[in-house]
Protein backbone atom coordinates (compact mmCIF):
# COMPACT_ATOMS: atom_id res chain seq x y z
CA MET A 1 81.21 106.12 180.07
CA GLY A 2 80.96 109.78 179.15
CA ALA A 3 78.33 112.26 180.13
CA VAL A 4 74.87 111.96 178.65
CA THR A 5 74.12 114.90 176.33
CA ARG A 6 70.89 115.95 174.65
CA GLY A 7 70.34 118.53 171.95
CA PRO A 8 67.63 121.19 171.96
CA GLY A 9 65.13 118.85 170.28
CA PRO A 10 65.00 115.12 169.57
CA ALA A 11 66.48 113.85 166.35
CA PRO A 12 64.10 111.78 164.18
CA ALA A 13 65.50 108.47 165.44
CA VAL A 14 65.24 109.64 169.04
CA ALA A 15 61.65 110.72 168.48
CA GLU A 16 60.79 107.38 166.88
CA VAL A 17 62.07 105.42 169.86
CA ARG A 18 60.35 107.72 172.34
CA VAL A 19 57.02 107.49 170.53
CA ALA A 20 57.24 103.69 170.51
CA VAL A 21 57.91 103.61 174.25
CA ARG A 22 55.19 106.15 175.03
CA ARG A 23 52.57 104.24 173.04
CA LEU A 24 53.18 100.92 174.74
CA LEU A 25 53.41 102.37 178.23
CA ALA A 26 50.19 104.31 177.64
CA GLU A 27 48.49 101.12 176.41
CA VAL A 28 49.63 98.87 179.26
CA ARG A 29 49.89 101.40 182.11
CA PRO A 30 52.16 99.22 184.27
CA ALA A 31 52.54 100.06 187.95
CA GLY A 32 56.29 100.21 187.39
CA VAL A 33 58.93 99.09 184.91
CA LEU A 34 62.55 98.02 184.79
CA VAL A 35 64.49 98.49 181.56
CA ALA A 36 66.65 95.44 180.84
CA CYS A 37 69.84 97.06 179.56
CA SER A 38 72.92 95.25 178.27
CA GLY A 39 74.74 98.38 177.15
CA GLY A 40 74.03 97.70 173.47
CA ALA A 41 72.42 100.30 171.24
CA ASP A 42 68.93 98.80 171.36
CA SER A 43 68.62 98.66 175.14
CA VAL A 44 70.48 101.95 175.71
CA ALA A 45 68.12 103.76 173.33
CA LEU A 46 65.22 102.09 175.14
CA ALA A 47 66.54 103.18 178.54
CA ALA A 48 67.00 106.78 177.41
CA ALA A 49 63.50 106.95 175.91
CA THR A 50 61.95 105.38 179.00
CA ALA A 51 63.71 107.90 181.23
CA VAL A 52 61.95 110.66 179.27
CA GLU A 53 58.54 109.10 178.64
CA ALA A 54 57.77 107.11 181.81
CA PRO A 55 57.61 110.17 184.10
CA LYS A 56 55.09 111.80 181.76
CA LEU A 57 52.79 108.83 182.40
CA THR A 58 53.69 108.68 186.13
CA VAL A 59 55.17 105.21 185.64
CA PRO A 60 58.11 104.57 188.01
CA ALA A 61 61.04 103.40 185.88
CA GLY A 62 64.30 101.75 186.83
CA LEU A 63 67.03 99.78 185.10
CA VAL A 64 68.51 96.33 185.54
CA THR A 65 71.62 94.96 183.86
CA VAL A 66 72.62 91.30 183.99
CA ASP A 67 76.24 90.25 184.21
CA HIS A 68 76.51 86.78 182.68
CA GLY A 69 80.19 86.50 183.58
CA LEU A 70 80.95 85.04 180.16
CA GLN A 71 83.51 87.60 179.00
CA ALA A 72 86.49 89.35 180.51
CA GLY A 73 85.55 92.69 182.00
CA SER A 74 81.85 91.86 182.27
CA ALA A 75 81.59 93.19 185.83
CA GLU A 76 83.12 96.51 184.79
CA ARG A 77 80.72 96.80 181.84
CA ALA A 78 77.75 96.06 184.10
CA ALA A 79 78.92 98.79 186.47
CA ALA A 80 79.24 101.24 183.56
CA VAL A 81 75.71 100.42 182.38
CA ALA A 82 74.43 100.97 185.90
CA GLU A 83 76.17 104.35 186.02
CA LEU A 84 74.52 105.29 182.72
CA GLY A 85 71.14 104.36 184.18
CA ARG A 86 71.74 106.66 187.13
CA ARG A 87 72.82 109.49 184.80
CA LEU A 88 69.58 109.04 182.87
CA GLY A 89 67.63 109.41 186.10
CA LEU A 90 66.28 105.86 186.27
CA ASP A 91 65.62 104.49 189.75
CA PRO A 92 66.28 101.92 191.03
CA VAL A 93 69.35 100.80 189.12
CA LEU A 94 70.17 97.14 189.71
CA VAL A 95 73.06 94.87 188.74
CA ARG A 96 72.46 91.14 188.81
CA ARG A 97 75.16 88.50 188.36
CA THR A 98 73.98 85.15 187.03
CA GLU A 99 75.51 81.75 186.41
CA VAL A 100 75.01 80.39 182.90
CA GLY A 101 74.50 76.65 182.54
CA SER A 102 74.86 74.52 179.43
CA ALA A 103 71.37 73.13 178.72
CA GLY A 104 70.22 73.77 175.16
CA GLY A 105 73.53 75.24 174.02
CA PRO A 106 75.26 78.52 174.87
CA GLU A 107 72.64 80.85 173.37
CA ALA A 108 69.68 79.17 175.04
CA ALA A 109 71.53 78.76 178.34
CA ALA A 110 72.47 82.44 178.49
CA ARG A 111 68.91 83.46 177.62
CA THR A 112 67.46 81.20 180.32
CA ALA A 113 69.83 82.55 182.96
CA ARG A 114 69.12 86.13 181.89
CA TYR A 115 65.35 85.77 182.11
CA HIS A 116 65.60 84.12 185.52
CA ALA A 117 67.71 87.03 186.75
CA LEU A 118 65.35 89.61 185.26
CA THR A 119 62.31 87.92 186.78
CA ALA A 120 63.88 87.87 190.22
CA ALA A 121 64.92 91.53 189.96
CA ALA A 122 61.59 92.79 188.65
CA GLY A 123 59.34 91.75 191.51
CA ASP A 124 55.87 93.02 190.55
CA ARG A 125 57.19 95.39 187.88
CA ALA A 126 57.05 94.93 184.13
CA VAL A 127 60.32 94.52 182.24
CA LEU A 128 61.05 96.49 179.08
CA LEU A 129 63.11 94.57 176.52
CA GLY A 130 64.99 96.15 173.62
CA HIS A 131 64.02 93.70 170.86
CA THR A 132 63.71 95.48 167.51
CA LEU A 133 62.08 94.76 164.17
CA ASP A 134 65.35 93.14 163.07
CA ASP A 135 65.25 90.80 166.08
CA GLN A 136 61.68 89.89 165.17
CA ALA A 137 62.74 89.07 161.59
CA GLU A 138 65.54 86.86 162.88
CA THR A 139 63.12 85.07 165.20
CA VAL A 140 60.74 84.36 162.30
CA LEU A 141 63.60 82.94 160.22
CA LEU A 142 64.71 80.73 163.11
CA GLY A 143 61.17 79.39 163.52
CA LEU A 144 60.88 78.68 159.81
CA GLY A 145 64.25 76.98 159.61
CA ARG A 146 63.61 74.76 162.62
CA GLY A 147 60.09 73.80 161.57
CA SER A 148 58.91 74.42 165.11
CA GLY A 149 55.38 75.41 164.22
CA PRO A 150 53.36 78.54 163.50
CA ARG A 151 53.59 79.95 167.01
CA SER A 152 57.37 80.25 166.74
CA VAL A 153 57.02 81.85 163.29
CA ALA A 154 54.59 84.35 164.84
CA GLY A 155 57.57 85.76 166.69
CA MET A 156 57.62 87.86 169.84
CA ARG A 157 54.64 89.68 171.30
CA PRO A 158 54.83 93.38 172.18
CA VAL A 159 53.08 92.48 175.44
CA ASP A 160 53.78 89.04 176.85
CA GLY A 161 52.88 88.97 180.52
CA ARG A 162 55.47 91.04 182.37
CA TRP A 163 57.67 91.33 179.25
CA LEU A 164 57.10 94.49 177.21
CA ARG A 165 58.77 95.06 173.84
CA PRO A 166 58.10 98.61 172.64
CA LEU A 167 60.67 98.57 169.82
CA LEU A 168 59.38 95.70 167.67
CA GLY A 169 58.49 98.23 164.99
CA VAL A 170 61.83 100.09 165.19
CA ARG A 171 64.87 99.17 163.08
CA ARG A 172 68.21 98.40 164.68
CA ASN A 173 69.87 101.16 162.64
CA ASP A 174 67.47 103.65 164.20
CA THR A 175 68.29 102.66 167.78
CA ARG A 176 71.97 103.14 166.98
CA ALA A 177 71.20 106.50 165.36
CA ALA A 178 69.22 107.52 168.44
CA CYS A 179 72.16 106.73 170.70
CA ALA A 180 74.53 108.68 168.45
CA ALA A 181 72.19 111.67 168.36
CA GLU A 182 72.02 111.78 172.17
CA GLY A 183 75.70 111.09 172.71
CA LEU A 184 74.96 107.83 174.52
CA PRO A 185 77.82 105.35 174.83
CA VAL A 186 77.17 101.95 173.28
CA TRP A 187 78.88 98.61 173.83
CA ASP A 188 78.91 96.12 170.94
CA ASP A 189 78.79 92.58 172.29
CA PRO A 190 81.30 90.47 170.29
CA HIS A 191 78.94 87.49 170.63
CA ASN A 192 76.55 89.29 168.28
CA THR A 193 79.04 88.86 165.43
CA ASP A 194 80.42 85.47 166.46
CA SER A 195 79.69 82.98 163.66
CA ARG A 196 79.52 80.13 166.18
CA PHE A 197 76.06 81.38 167.13
CA THR A 198 73.07 80.74 164.87
CA ARG A 199 71.41 84.10 165.38
CA ALA A 200 74.68 85.92 164.67
CA ARG A 201 74.97 84.14 161.31
CA LEU A 202 71.36 84.96 160.47
CA ARG A 203 72.11 88.58 161.25
CA ALA A 204 75.36 88.79 159.31
CA GLU A 205 74.70 86.43 156.40
CA VAL A 206 71.09 85.37 155.83
CA LEU A 207 69.13 88.58 156.32
CA PRO A 208 71.52 90.71 154.23
CA LEU A 209 71.29 88.12 151.45
CA LEU A 210 67.49 88.18 151.61
CA GLU A 211 67.50 91.96 151.49
CA ASP A 212 69.74 91.83 148.42
CA VAL A 213 67.75 89.14 146.60
CA LEU A 214 64.38 90.75 147.34
CA ALA A 215 65.65 94.29 146.70
CA GLY A 216 65.02 95.43 150.26
CA GLY A 217 62.17 95.17 152.73
CA ALA A 218 62.78 91.57 153.76
CA ALA A 219 63.11 92.27 157.49
CA ALA A 220 59.97 94.40 157.53
CA ALA A 221 58.08 91.76 155.54
CA LEU A 222 59.10 89.01 157.96
CA ALA A 223 58.02 91.11 160.94
CA ARG A 224 54.71 91.91 159.23
CA THR A 225 54.18 88.20 158.58
CA ALA A 226 54.68 87.54 162.29
CA ASP A 227 52.05 90.15 163.17
CA LEU A 228 49.50 88.68 160.74
CA LEU A 229 50.14 85.11 161.81
CA ARG A 230 49.98 86.00 165.50
CA ALA A 231 46.53 87.54 165.02
CA ASP A 232 45.29 84.37 163.31
CA LEU A 233 46.78 82.13 165.97
CA ASP A 234 45.24 84.18 168.76
CA ALA A 235 41.83 83.80 167.11
CA LEU A 236 42.30 80.03 166.83
CA ASP A 237 43.36 79.88 170.48
CA GLU A 238 40.15 81.66 171.49
CA LEU A 239 38.05 79.25 169.43
CA ALA A 240 39.90 76.28 170.93
CA ALA A 241 39.28 77.60 174.45
CA ALA A 242 35.55 77.80 173.71
CA VAL A 243 35.54 74.25 172.31
CA ALA A 244 37.54 72.96 175.28
CA ALA A 245 34.90 74.30 177.64
CA THR A 246 32.41 71.91 176.00
CA VAL A 247 34.52 68.78 175.41
CA VAL A 248 36.97 68.69 178.34
CA ASN A 249 35.47 67.50 181.60
CA PRO A 250 35.80 69.17 184.00
CA PRO A 251 36.59 72.25 181.85
CA PRO A 252 40.08 73.59 182.61
CA ALA A 253 40.21 77.23 183.64
CA THR A 254 42.24 78.12 180.55
CA VAL A 255 43.25 76.14 177.52
CA ALA A 256 45.70 76.96 174.73
CA ALA A 257 48.52 79.38 175.41
CA ALA A 258 48.99 79.25 179.18
CA GLY A 259 47.35 76.04 180.33
CA ALA A 260 45.92 75.52 183.78
CA VAL A 261 46.20 73.33 186.87
CA PRO A 262 42.97 71.43 187.59
CA ALA A 263 41.39 71.37 191.02
CA ALA A 264 42.86 68.88 193.46
CA GLY A 265 41.68 65.36 192.63
CA ALA A 266 40.08 66.35 189.34
CA VAL A 267 40.50 63.90 186.46
CA LEU A 268 40.45 65.57 183.06
CA THR A 269 38.92 63.62 180.18
CA VAL A 270 38.03 64.63 176.63
CA ASP A 271 34.88 63.83 174.64
CA ALA A 272 36.67 62.42 171.59
CA VAL A 273 33.47 61.97 169.59
CA ALA A 274 32.50 65.63 169.92
CA LEU A 275 36.04 66.88 169.36
CA ALA A 276 36.35 64.85 166.13
CA ALA A 277 33.88 67.22 164.45
CA TYR A 278 36.38 70.09 164.56
CA PRO A 279 39.32 70.77 162.21
CA ALA A 280 42.84 69.74 163.17
CA ALA A 281 43.89 73.29 164.10
CA ILE A 282 41.22 73.32 166.83
CA ARG A 283 41.61 69.68 167.89
CA THR A 284 45.33 69.86 168.48
CA ARG A 285 45.00 73.07 170.48
CA VAL A 286 42.36 71.50 172.70
CA LEU A 287 44.45 68.37 173.16
CA ARG A 288 47.62 70.33 173.91
CA GLY A 289 45.73 72.39 176.46
CA TRP A 290 44.13 69.30 178.01
CA LEU A 291 47.48 67.58 178.44
CA ARG A 292 49.17 70.70 179.77
CA ALA A 293 46.33 71.27 182.23
CA ALA A 294 46.79 67.70 183.45
CA GLY A 295 50.50 68.33 184.08
CA VAL A 296 51.91 66.53 181.04
CA PRO A 297 55.20 68.06 179.78
CA PRO A 298 55.21 69.52 176.24
CA LEU A 299 54.84 66.93 173.47
CA ALA A 300 56.88 66.34 170.38
CA TYR A 301 55.02 66.87 167.11
CA ALA A 302 54.77 63.12 166.44
CA GLN A 303 53.28 62.49 169.88
CA LEU A 304 50.65 65.17 169.45
CA ARG A 305 49.68 63.72 166.06
CA ALA A 306 49.34 60.27 167.63
CA VAL A 307 47.07 61.65 170.37
CA ASP A 308 45.02 63.46 167.73
CA ALA A 309 44.66 60.17 165.85
CA LEU A 310 42.84 58.78 168.90
CA VAL A 311 40.22 61.42 168.11
CA ALA A 312 40.17 61.84 164.34
CA ASP A 313 41.45 58.46 163.10
CA TRP A 314 40.12 56.04 165.69
CA HIS A 315 40.35 52.38 164.73
CA GLY A 316 40.91 50.74 168.10
CA GLN A 317 44.59 51.60 168.49
CA GLY A 318 46.28 51.34 171.85
CA PRO A 319 47.47 54.07 174.24
CA VAL A 320 49.94 56.76 173.18
CA ALA A 321 52.97 56.93 175.44
CA LEU A 322 53.68 60.43 176.77
CA ARG A 323 56.41 61.87 178.95
CA SER A 324 56.52 61.43 182.74
CA GLY A 325 55.33 57.83 182.44
CA LEU A 326 51.81 58.78 181.33
CA ALA A 327 49.80 57.58 178.36
CA ALA A 328 46.69 58.83 176.56
CA ARG A 329 44.09 56.20 175.75
CA ARG A 330 40.57 56.14 174.36
CA ALA A 331 37.75 54.29 176.08
CA SER A 332 33.96 54.64 175.71
CA GLY A 333 34.40 57.60 173.38
CA ARG A 334 36.54 59.62 175.77
CA LEU A 335 40.27 60.26 176.11
CA HIS A 336 41.82 59.44 179.47
CA LEU A 337 45.30 59.68 180.95
CA ALA A 338 46.69 56.46 182.35
């Protein structure tokens, strides 16, 4: 990799990326961050902006790159990314090698391995991810196509626990322009254009077609839809948590997004009669949170509907079989796990 060069003032694309990073870091004020950098334009632009903006906010900033070992020369590329991180002044700079399994297919397996490696490397630091507005649009399309529910269509959060995504409002073309303006070397992962992978086909075929048919603005519209839907879903989650506090006994510490583990020996039951008064969007959230809090693995859509029927369409039906050998049943107006 060549030397990192900067002009006398930031180009517009460089300024856009820096502003995005500065705003999120100023909002969250993490004790420290690691930039997850693959060597692609998005994460390299993110690393360069973080190297400039984090010190202004006295946020210690380092870099981590994950070597998946899936392509020839991956170790050398990881070393080059690490060298770039050092040139940018990020500290510490970490390289993590990971083994990619096969569960869920190659894309999901690589993502799972990567996040495990990033979590282990981060310790108590936040991790900055280079997902852009284009990535958000692709995520929305994937959620729509798979019919996996509104939460998947709501896309990625800018702040999701330790994961911070400052560039969700920045276009992919702008991260590439930022790298070019600063003379930053960029590696283009061939997997990103490999038609064997669903996201690569969305990127190369579906989104360009949508942009053409709709005369531009499709990616931005999809990302905006995710923002609007996420706000609605968060409001419903808050309402469901309030309802759960009155109908789940004993009340779990949190219901909805994260779930909770009940106190040792506690048996969670649900007042089905009271819950039946609420709309389905609230009922199913309460039920999903109740089951998760009781340690039940995630349900398929049909299972959740069957459990909801014990509340909203009760006519004496028998228990609903769940995973892990458990079943939900209704007795004396309450739902129990058997």
